[in-house]
C-alpha cells in the first residue's frame, strides 16, 4: 500500500500532515513521491483565502485524471475545505472517495490501512506526535480553534472552538524532541497564547519547559493574539533563555475604527502600549506582524496610520495581504468594499515601505555576533552555508569546518546583501 500527500495552508496543516505520516510509517504504509503510483492521495486543504481553494480545485481535476488512468487510486480530501464546503465538494467532485474535516484527520492513516473507522467527530483530537524523524525543526501544536470571530476570518467556522492539548502531553513530546537532536520547536495554535489546561496558561506552559528542552536551542510560538499577551507572558519570555526574542504580533490594521470593524478587541493605542511593554520587558526583542489593507470602508488616512504603527513597532518582518472576502464571515457582506485595483495599490506601497524599513533596521545592526542553526548550502555561494538565528535573520557564512543541517554555530556578521546577512563562523 502506498500513499501520496499534498499539504496547503498554515503551519498547523503541515504539522497535522506530519503526524499522519508518522502514524502511516508505524503502520508500514509506504510513501511515494509519484502520485501515479499511489493507492491513496491525501489532500490537506486550506480555506483562509479563496485562492487556496481555487488551487485545490485545480489539483482535484488533475487527480481525477490520475484516478481514471490507473484505476486504483482513492482520493482523500481533508482540512478546512472539507469542514467548510463538504456538500459542495460532493457535488462538484463526486470522484473524491473520502471527505474528512479537521476533527477526523487522526483516522485517515487507519482508513488507508484498511480499518473501518468513525470519522465524524464533534471535538478536535490532538495526534500523538507531529515530529518527522530526521528533521532538526519541529512544530508542536498545543491548541486548536478560535473563539474570537474576527469579522474577516473563516478559521472559527472550519477549526471550531478553542481546545487545548494537555500540558503533560506537550511536555512529553518536547522532552522526546530534545533527545532527538531537534534544535528548534514552534508551539502552534490559532491563538497560541490563549492556551489553557486547567489552571495552566501559556506563560506557565513555557515555564514548564525549563530544564526539559535537551538539545533544543530556540522555542518559538505562533500565532499569539494581542489581547492575550499578558505582562506575565512578557516576564516569562524575558527570563527564559531559550525562548526566541522574536515575537510575531499580528496587528492587522493601525486604525482603531478599522480594528473595531474587524472585531480585533484592541485599539491602536492598546497595541502600541503592548509593543512598548514587550520592548521594555524583553531585551533585544524583534517583531514580525500580519497586516491587512483594503478592509471595507478603510480610508487612505487609515491606511497610512497602519504604516505609522509599523514604524513605531518596529517590524523587521511583515506578512502583508489585502482583504479577501470569505463567504460566511461578517465582512463578506459589509458595505464599502474597496476595488481590487485600490487594494493592490495600497498593498504594493505597504510592501515597498516594509522593504525599506527592514533594510534600514538590519543595516543598523552591523556588525554583530549571533548563534544560529545551519539550514544547508547558500544559494549565493557554494562555499558558504545558510543559517537562521532566533530573530529569523538569515545569514550566509563562511564555515570553519564541515557542518550538517541542524548544527548550531556562532557567527560574526558584518554585511547585508539584499535581505540576507553575510558573515563568518567564529
Protein backbone atom coordinates (compact mmCIF):
# COMPACT_ATOMS: atom_id res chain seq x y z
CA UNK A 1 0.00 0.00 0.00
CA UNK A 2 1.35 3.43 -0.98
CA UNK A 3 0.20 6.98 -0.27
CA UNK A 4 0.94 10.41 -1.70
CA UNK A 5 0.24 13.61 0.26
CA UNK A 6 -0.11 17.31 -0.58
CA UNK A 7 -0.50 20.00 2.08
CA UNK A 8 -1.83 23.53 1.67
CA UNK A 9 -2.05 26.45 4.04
CA UNK A 10 -0.91 27.03 7.58
CA UNK A 11 1.75 25.53 9.82
CA UNK A 12 -0.93 23.59 11.68
CA UNK A 13 -1.84 21.79 8.47
CA UNK A 14 1.84 20.96 7.93
CA UNK A 15 2.09 19.63 11.49
CA UNK A 16 -1.04 17.52 11.09
CA UNK A 17 0.21 16.10 7.79
CA UNK A 18 3.49 15.23 9.53
CA UNK A 19 1.52 13.47 12.28
CA UNK A 20 -0.48 11.44 9.76
CA UNK A 21 2.77 10.39 8.10
CA UNK A 22 4.22 9.31 11.44
CA UNK A 23 1.21 7.02 12.00
CA UNK A 24 1.34 5.70 8.43
CA UNK A 25 5.01 4.84 8.88
CA UNK A 26 4.14 2.93 12.05
CA UNK A 27 1.51 1.01 10.08
CA UNK A 28 4.16 0.15 7.46
CA UNK A 29 2.33 2.09 4.74
CA UNK A 30 4.84 3.27 2.14
CA UNK A 31 5.10 6.89 0.97
CA UNK A 32 5.56 7.68 -2.72
CA UNK A 33 6.52 10.97 -4.36
CA UNK A 34 4.77 9.87 -7.57
CA UNK A 35 1.01 10.40 -7.41
CA UNK A 36 0.56 7.99 -10.32
CA UNK A 37 1.95 5.19 -8.15
CA UNK A 38 -0.25 5.93 -5.13
CA UNK A 39 -3.09 3.80 -3.83
CA UNK A 40 -4.27 6.79 -1.79
CA UNK A 41 -3.85 10.51 -2.48
CA UNK A 42 -4.30 12.72 0.62
CA UNK A 43 -5.01 16.42 0.02
CA UNK A 44 -4.83 18.50 3.21
CA UNK A 45 -6.59 21.76 2.34
CA UNK A 46 -6.84 25.41 3.39
CA UNK A 47 -9.79 27.83 3.28
CA UNK A 48 -8.28 31.05 4.63
CA UNK A 49 -8.31 32.63 1.17
CA UNK A 50 -10.33 31.89 -1.93
CA UNK A 51 -7.10 31.48 -3.90
CA UNK A 52 -6.12 28.49 -1.73
CA UNK A 53 -9.40 26.74 -2.50
CA UNK A 54 -9.05 27.52 -6.22
CA UNK A 55 -5.64 25.85 -6.27
CA UNK A 56 -7.10 22.71 -4.69
CA UNK A 57 -9.98 22.56 -7.18
CA UNK A 58 -7.38 22.72 -9.94
CA UNK A 59 -5.44 19.85 -8.43
CA UNK A 60 -8.61 17.81 -7.94
CA UNK A 61 -9.21 17.93 -11.68
CA UNK A 62 -5.72 16.57 -12.20
CA UNK A 63 -6.13 13.80 -9.61
CA UNK A 64 -9.43 12.73 -11.15
CA UNK A 65 -7.47 12.11 -14.37
CA UNK A 66 -4.85 10.13 -12.42
CA UNK A 67 -7.63 8.05 -10.87
CA UNK A 68 -9.22 7.28 -14.24
CA UNK A 69 -5.86 6.38 -15.76
CA UNK A 70 -4.60 3.88 -13.21
CA UNK A 71 -7.96 2.68 -11.91
CA UNK A 72 -6.75 2.10 -8.33
CA UNK A 73 -6.19 5.50 -6.71
CA UNK A 74 -8.55 6.61 -3.96
CA UNK A 75 -8.71 10.32 -3.13
CA UNK A 76 -8.98 11.61 0.44
CA UNK A 77 -9.66 15.33 0.89
CA UNK A 78 -9.27 16.70 4.39
CA UNK A 79 -8.65 20.00 6.16
CA UNK A 80 -10.56 23.26 6.18
CA UNK A 81 -12.21 22.87 2.76
CA UNK A 82 -13.64 19.55 3.91
CA UNK A 83 -15.03 21.27 7.00
CA UNK A 84 -16.36 24.32 5.14
CA UNK A 85 -17.87 23.05 1.87
CA UNK A 86 -18.32 19.30 2.24
CA UNK A 87 -21.66 19.21 0.37
CA UNK A 88 -20.33 21.40 -2.44
CA UNK A 89 -17.33 19.12 -2.85
CA UNK A 90 -19.57 16.06 -3.06
CA UNK A 91 -21.49 17.75 -5.88
CA UNK A 92 -18.56 19.25 -7.81
CA UNK A 93 -16.10 16.39 -7.31
CA UNK A 94 -18.02 13.13 -6.83
CA UNK A 95 -14.87 11.17 -7.60
CA UNK A 96 -13.47 12.04 -4.14
CA UNK A 97 -13.65 8.86 -2.07
CA UNK A 98 -13.43 10.41 1.40
CA UNK A 99 -14.13 13.97 2.59
CA UNK A 100 -12.88 14.27 6.16
CA UNK A 101 -12.85 17.51 8.17
CA UNK A 102 -10.32 18.71 10.73
CA UNK A 103 -11.93 16.65 13.52
CA UNK A 104 -11.27 13.38 11.72
CA UNK A 105 -7.70 13.64 10.46
CA UNK A 106 -6.37 11.21 13.05
CA UNK A 107 -8.45 8.42 11.45
CA UNK A 108 -7.06 8.81 7.91
CA UNK A 109 -3.99 6.56 8.39
CA UNK A 110 -6.19 3.75 9.69
CA UNK A 111 -8.64 4.10 6.77
CA UNK A 112 -5.67 3.72 4.41
CA UNK A 113 -4.61 0.67 6.41
CA UNK A 114 -7.97 -0.92 5.64
CA UNK A 115 -9.64 -0.39 9.02
CA UNK A 116 -13.26 0.73 9.40
CA UNK A 117 -13.20 3.94 11.44
CA UNK A 118 -15.62 6.55 12.76
CA UNK A 119 -14.54 9.91 11.27
CA UNK A 120 -17.40 12.31 12.04
CA UNK A 121 -16.41 13.69 15.45
CA UNK A 122 -17.66 16.69 17.39
CA UNK A 123 -14.35 17.59 19.02
CA UNK A 124 -10.84 18.05 17.68
CA UNK A 125 -8.30 15.45 18.81
CA UNK A 126 -4.56 16.03 19.07
CA UNK A 127 -2.34 13.42 17.49
CA UNK A 128 0.34 11.56 19.49
CA UNK A 129 3.37 13.07 17.71
CA UNK A 130 3.96 15.67 14.99
CA UNK A 131 7.69 15.08 14.53
CA UNK A 132 9.09 13.64 11.30
CA UNK A 133 12.25 11.72 12.04
CA UNK A 134 15.42 13.36 10.75
CA UNK A 135 14.20 16.97 10.88
CA UNK A 136 16.01 19.48 13.10
CA UNK A 137 12.99 21.78 13.36
CA UNK A 138 9.57 20.64 14.56
CA UNK A 139 6.08 22.03 15.01
CA UNK A 140 4.32 21.26 18.29
CA UNK A 141 0.57 22.03 18.24
CA UNK A 142 -0.63 22.98 21.72
CA UNK A 143 -4.13 24.31 20.98
CA UNK A 144 -6.62 24.35 18.15
CA UNK A 145 -9.54 26.52 17.15
CA UNK A 146 -10.60 30.09 17.83
CA UNK A 147 -13.22 31.87 19.92
CA UNK A 148 -12.57 35.40 18.66
CA UNK A 149 -14.62 35.58 15.45
CA UNK A 150 -12.72 38.34 13.69
CA UNK A 151 -15.17 39.61 11.10
CA UNK A 152 -12.96 38.67 8.12
CA UNK A 153 -11.78 35.24 9.30
CA UNK A 154 -13.12 31.80 8.41
CA UNK A 155 -10.98 29.94 10.99
CA UNK A 156 -13.59 29.63 13.80
CA UNK A 157 -16.01 28.06 11.33
CA UNK A 158 -13.58 25.46 9.98
CA UNK A 159 -11.39 24.82 13.05
CA UNK A 160 -14.09 25.11 15.71
CA UNK A 161 -13.85 26.43 19.24
CA UNK A 162 -10.62 26.60 21.20
CA UNK A 163 -9.37 23.35 22.70
CA UNK A 164 -6.01 22.98 24.44
CA UNK A 165 -3.72 19.97 24.50
CA UNK A 166 -2.98 18.56 27.97
CA UNK A 167 0.20 20.02 29.45
CA UNK A 168 1.66 16.58 30.20
CA UNK A 169 1.31 15.57 26.53
CA UNK A 170 3.03 18.75 25.38
CA UNK A 171 5.93 18.35 27.82
CA UNK A 172 6.29 14.66 26.99
CA UNK A 173 6.58 15.36 23.27
CA UNK A 174 9.05 18.21 23.74
CA UNK A 175 11.27 16.11 26.01
CA UNK A 176 11.32 13.46 23.29
CA UNK A 177 12.23 16.09 20.68
CA UNK A 178 15.04 17.40 22.86
CA UNK A 179 16.56 13.90 22.86
CA UNK A 180 16.08 13.53 19.08
CA UNK A 181 18.59 16.26 18.18
CA UNK A 182 15.86 18.73 17.28
CA UNK A 183 17.30 22.24 17.54
CA UNK A 184 14.17 24.39 17.36
CA UNK A 185 10.47 23.96 18.00
CA UNK A 186 7.48 26.14 17.19
CA UNK A 187 4.48 25.92 19.51
CA UNK A 188 1.35 26.23 17.38
CA UNK A 189 -2.20 27.41 17.85
CA UNK A 190 -4.63 29.67 16.03
CA UNK A 191 -4.37 31.81 19.20
CA UNK A 192 -1.43 30.10 20.83
CA UNK A 193 -1.30 32.33 23.91
CA UNK A 194 -4.96 31.54 24.68
CA UNK A 195 -3.73 28.08 25.80
CA UNK A 196 -5.44 26.85 28.96
CA UNK A 197 -5.17 23.44 30.62
CA UNK A 198 -6.90 23.71 34.00
CA UNK A 199 -5.02 26.42 35.90
CA UNK A 200 -2.10 26.32 33.46
CA UNK A 201 -1.99 29.14 30.92
CA UNK A 202 0.54 29.85 28.20
CA UNK A 203 3.12 31.51 30.48
CA UNK A 204 3.02 28.52 32.83
CA UNK A 205 3.42 26.14 29.90
CA UNK A 206 6.57 27.98 28.81
CA UNK A 207 7.93 27.83 32.36
CA UNK A 208 7.18 24.10 32.49
CA UNK A 209 9.62 23.56 29.62
CA UNK A 210 12.59 24.84 31.63
CA UNK A 211 15.13 22.05 32.05
CA UNK A 212 13.29 19.74 29.64
CA UNK A 213 14.49 21.08 26.29
CA UNK A 214 17.64 18.98 25.89
CA UNK A 215 19.38 19.96 22.64
CA UNK A 216 16.64 22.39 21.62
CA UNK A 217 18.15 25.88 21.20
CA UNK A 218 15.13 28.01 20.23
CA UNK A 219 11.49 27.85 21.32
CA UNK A 220 9.19 29.85 19.02
CA UNK A 221 5.41 30.24 19.05
CA UNK A 222 2.74 31.25 16.54
CA UNK A 223 0.36 32.97 16.40
CA UNK A 224 -0.44 34.94 19.55
CA UNK A 225 -3.37 37.32 19.87
CA UNK A 226 -2.51 40.79 21.24
CA UNK A 227 -5.49 40.73 23.63
CA UNK A 228 -3.99 37.70 25.44
CA UNK A 229 -0.39 38.92 25.57
CA UNK A 230 -0.14 39.43 29.32
CA UNK A 231 2.52 41.09 31.45
CA UNK A 232 3.15 37.65 32.96
CA UNK A 233 3.90 36.25 29.49
CA UNK A 234 6.31 39.11 28.77
CA UNK A 235 8.10 38.42 32.06
CA UNK A 236 8.46 34.69 31.30
CA UNK A 237 9.87 35.32 27.81
CA UNK A 238 12.25 37.91 29.25
CA UNK A 239 13.80 35.45 31.71
CA UNK A 240 13.66 32.10 29.86
CA UNK A 241 16.87 31.96 27.80
CA UNK A 242 15.75 29.50 25.12
CA UNK A 243 12.57 31.34 24.10
CA UNK A 244 13.38 33.23 20.90
CA UNK A 245 13.39 37.01 21.28
CA UNK A 246 11.44 37.36 18.06
CA UNK A 247 7.74 37.94 18.57
CA UNK A 248 5.14 37.54 15.87
CA UNK A 249 2.43 40.00 16.92
CA UNK A 250 -0.42 40.29 14.41
CA UNK A 251 -1.59 43.89 14.09
CA UNK A 252 -3.91 43.70 11.03
CA UNK A 253 -4.58 47.46 10.99
CA UNK A 254 -3.26 50.65 12.56
CA UNK A 255 -6.69 52.27 12.68
CA UNK A 256 -8.82 51.91 15.81
CA UNK A 257 -12.02 52.28 13.79
CA UNK A 258 -11.00 49.55 11.35
CA UNK A 259 -9.82 47.28 14.18
CA UNK A 260 -13.27 47.61 15.75
CA UNK A 261 -14.92 46.64 12.46
CA UNK A 262 -12.55 43.67 12.31
CA UNK A 263 -13.61 42.68 15.87
CA UNK A 264 -9.97 42.52 16.95
CA UNK A 265 -10.77 43.53 20.57
CA UNK A 266 -7.97 46.13 20.91
CA UNK A 267 -7.35 49.69 19.76
CA UNK A 268 -4.38 51.24 18.02
CA UNK A 269 -3.35 52.72 21.38
CA UNK A 270 -3.68 49.34 23.13
CA UNK A 271 -1.47 47.72 20.51
CA UNK A 272 1.26 50.38 20.70
CA UNK A 273 1.21 50.23 24.52
CA UNK A 274 1.67 46.45 24.33
CA UNK A 275 4.59 46.86 21.92
CA UNK A 276 6.29 49.23 24.37
CA UNK A 277 5.79 46.82 27.28
CA UNK A 278 7.28 43.98 25.24
CA UNK A 279 10.28 46.12 24.24
CA UNK A 280 10.86 47.08 27.88
CA UNK A 281 10.45 43.54 29.21
CA UNK A 282 12.35 41.52 26.58
CA UNK A 283 15.88 42.67 25.89
CA UNK A 284 16.80 42.76 22.20
CA UNK A 285 13.32 41.78 21.03
CA UNK A 286 12.39 41.98 17.33
CA UNK A 287 8.93 41.83 15.79
CA UNK A 288 7.10 40.41 12.85
CA UNK A 289 3.43 41.09 12.17
CA UNK A 290 0.41 40.44 9.96
CA UNK A 291 -1.09 43.40 8.12
CA UNK A 292 -4.26 43.61 6.05
CA UNK A 293 -5.06 46.52 3.73
CA UNK A 294 -8.27 47.37 1.94
CA UNK A 295 -10.70 46.25 4.63
CA UNK A 296 -14.22 47.53 3.82
CA UNK A 297 -14.50 51.34 4.32
CA UNK A 298 -10.76 51.74 5.11
CA UNK A 299 -9.81 55.29 4.12
CA UNK A 300 -6.49 56.45 2.73
CA UNK A 301 -5.64 58.17 6.02
CA UNK A 302 -6.43 54.96 7.95
CA UNK A 303 -4.19 53.01 5.60
CA UNK A 304 -1.39 55.48 6.31
CA UNK A 305 -1.99 55.01 10.06
CA UNK A 306 -1.09 51.35 9.58
CA UNK A 307 2.29 52.33 8.12
CA UNK A 308 2.89 54.72 11.04
CA UNK A 309 2.23 51.95 13.58
CA UNK A 310 4.61 49.62 11.73
CA UNK A 311 7.31 52.30 12.02
CA UNK A 312 6.73 52.53 15.76
CA UNK A 313 6.64 48.79 16.32
CA UNK A 314 9.17 48.46 14.52
CA UNK A 315 8.72 45.45 12.24
CA UNK A 316 11.69 43.62 10.76
CA UNK A 317 9.29 41.18 9.04
CA UNK A 318 5.68 41.54 7.92
CA UNK A 319 3.21 39.23 6.25
CA UNK A 320 1.14 41.61 4.14
CA UNK A 321 -2.02 40.98 2.14
CA UNK A 322 -5.19 42.69 1.01
CA UNK A 323 -8.71 41.94 2.26
CA UNK A 324 -10.02 38.81 0.60
CA UNK A 325 -13.76 38.37 1.28
CA UNK A 326 -14.63 34.92 2.62
CA UNK A 327 -18.21 33.74 2.27
CA UNK A 328 -19.70 33.02 5.68
CA UNK A 329 -17.86 35.82 7.50
CA UNK A 330 -19.42 39.12 8.59
CA UNK A 331 -17.05 41.22 6.47
CA UNK A 332 -18.09 39.38 3.31
CA UNK A 333 -21.30 41.41 3.02
CA UNK A 334 -20.14 44.68 4.59
CA UNK A 335 -20.81 47.94 2.78
CA UNK A 336 -17.85 49.92 1.49
CA UNK A 337 -16.00 47.13 -0.33
CA UNK A 338 -12.81 48.57 -1.84
CA UNK A 339 -11.98 47.92 -5.53
CA UNK A 340 -9.28 45.35 -6.22
CA UNK A 341 -7.05 47.84 -8.01
CA UNK A 342 -7.08 50.15 -4.98
CA UNK A 343 -6.35 47.27 -2.59
CA UNK A 344 -3.48 46.22 -4.86
CA UNK A 345 -2.06 49.77 -4.91
CA UNK A 346 -2.11 50.00 -1.13
CA UNK A 347 -0.51 46.58 -0.74
CA UNK A 348 2.30 47.40 -3.18
CA UNK A 349 3.02 50.64 -1.32
CA UNK A 350 2.95 48.84 2.04
CA UNK A 351 5.42 46.22 0.78
CA UNK A 352 7.73 48.92 -0.59
CA UNK A 353 7.76 50.70 2.77
CA UNK A 354 8.35 47.46 4.68
CA UNK A 355 11.32 46.51 2.49
CA UNK A 356 12.85 49.93 3.14
CA UNK A 357 12.18 49.60 6.88
CA UNK A 358 13.68 46.11 7.10
CA UNK A 359 16.81 47.14 5.20
CA UNK A 360 17.26 50.20 7.41
CA UNK A 361 16.81 48.20 10.62
CA UNK A 362 19.11 45.37 9.55
CA UNK A 363 21.85 47.72 8.33
CA UNK A 364 21.83 49.50 11.69
CA UNK A 365 22.68 46.22 13.46
CA UNK A 366 26.02 45.66 11.73
CA UNK A 367 28.36 44.27 12.84
CA UNK A 368 27.04 41.79 15.40
CA UNK A 369 27.55 38.27 16.77
CA UNK A 370 24.81 35.66 16.88
CA UNK A 371 24.09 31.97 17.45
CA UNK A 372 22.34 30.31 14.51
CA UNK A 373 21.17 26.97 13.12
CA UNK A 374 22.62 25.70 9.84
CA UNK A 375 19.96 25.28 7.15
CA UNK A 376 22.15 23.98 4.32
CA UNK A 377 24.15 25.32 1.39
CA UNK A 378 23.89 29.00 0.50
CA UNK A 379 22.39 29.68 -2.93
CA UNK A 380 24.62 32.74 -3.32
CA UNK A 381 27.93 30.95 -2.92
CA UNK A 382 28.57 27.20 -2.90
CA UNK A 383 31.42 27.70 -0.43
CA UNK A 384 29.09 29.27 2.13
CA UNK A 385 26.34 27.86 4.34
CA UNK A 386 22.96 29.40 5.16
CA UNK A 387 21.73 29.80 8.74
CA UNK A 388 18.83 31.23 10.77
CA UNK A 389 19.06 32.73 14.25
CA UNK A 390 16.47 33.39 16.96
CA UNK A 391 15.39 36.65 15.27
CA UNK A 392 14.75 34.82 11.97
CA UNK A 393 17.78 36.59 10.49
CA UNK A 394 19.15 34.59 7.58
CA UNK A 395 22.96 34.65 7.28
CA UNK A 396 25.22 33.16 4.61
CA UNK A 397 28.52 32.43 6.29
CA UNK A 398 32.00 31.05 5.70
CA UNK A 399 32.33 27.91 7.85
CA UNK A 400 35.44 26.88 9.75
CA UNK A 401 34.65 23.18 9.38
CA UNK A 402 32.17 20.75 7.84
CA UNK A 403 28.60 21.18 9.05
CA UNK A 404 25.30 19.41 8.51
CA UNK A 405 21.78 20.78 8.65
CA UNK A 406 20.76 21.46 12.24
CA UNK A 407 24.24 22.21 13.58
CA UNK A 408 24.46 25.23 15.86
CA UNK A 409 27.17 27.79 15.02
CA UNK A 410 28.49 31.05 16.42
CA UNK A 411 28.73 33.76 13.76
CA UNK A 412 30.30 37.16 13.26
CA UNK A 413 28.02 39.10 10.87
CA UNK A 414 29.36 42.16 9.06
CA UNK A 415 27.48 42.60 5.78
CA UNK A 416 23.93 42.79 4.38
CA UNK A 417 23.30 41.64 0.83
CA UNK A 418 19.68 42.05 -0.22
CA UNK A 419 17.63 40.60 2.61
CA UNK A 420 20.36 38.19 3.78
CA UNK A 421 23.23 38.88 6.14
CA UNK A 422 26.75 37.67 5.44
CA UNK A 423 29.46 36.71 7.87
CA UNK A 424 31.80 34.00 9.08
CA UNK A 425 31.87 31.33 11.71
CA UNK A 426 33.62 32.36 14.90
